[in-house]
């Protein structure tokens, strides 16, 4: 992506005007509307530009480097020294996270403010002093892992899903929203958002949850299938015809599942009334290396 296109895309986000609203919803919007290549390029270029700000601004802070100060007019150099002293004596004003948020914010404001800050570094310290920045422009962009999951790739291929405790399994199932909207494709995307939203913070824990859910779900499927087999009457549907209903019940959550365990006839009624949707198991993103039989 070229420089001109980068800034055009950045400034179209209206970060300067506070137009993004809910950051998580905005991430979802970009995930739908911008390509994987666009988001990846913008995030990479943004990080590179943030590093440029670090070189210009952080170096005199951390190392007392004289090169920048010697090349500035005395008045401007003194401003940097003043804020460096403020930073050194009151470190809570500029934690590493705060500087990251601030430098990313400068990029989000657009090309003009970014270039002004490169040439007048004290502007960044003034924003820091006044708390004049918003966390965190880079969080707007879906991480590469989101696209990997969507496209059937695996961010942690070395890890295989394992069965998880019952309580944890049933606490995670509502994140798919199957009880509200039973569309496998939409639910796969919802699972990516709900169970992987922490990826920008550097954790793949939610992705492990997806693997573990997919590895654990067949256990509950087999239990309910066995209960149905034991209960089945002569005129009951064949077990194969009831399997989609079982997956639907699992997607609905713990209460519906427990009700059907106690009274498998509910499965027959759901099938007869067509009050179920097939495809819940397919709604769980499929990680490489975990292929339980559904």
Foldseek 3Di string as FASTA:
>chain_A
DDPVVLQVVLVVCVLVVVPQPPLLVLQVVCVVPPDLVVLVVNLVVLVVLLVLLCVQQVCCLPPVDCPNLVPDPVVLSVLSVVLSVVCVVDVVLCDPQLSQQLSQQQVSNGDVSSVVCSVRVSVSSVCSVVVVTDPHNSLSHDDSVLVCLVVQHAPCQVDAAAADDPVVLQVLLCQLVCLPPPDLVSSLNSLSSSQVSCVVVPDCVSVSVLRNNLQHVVVLLVLLLVLCVVVPDPPADPSVLLSQLSLQQVSNGDVSSVVCSVPVVVSRVCSVVVVGDGDNSSSRRDHPPRDDDD
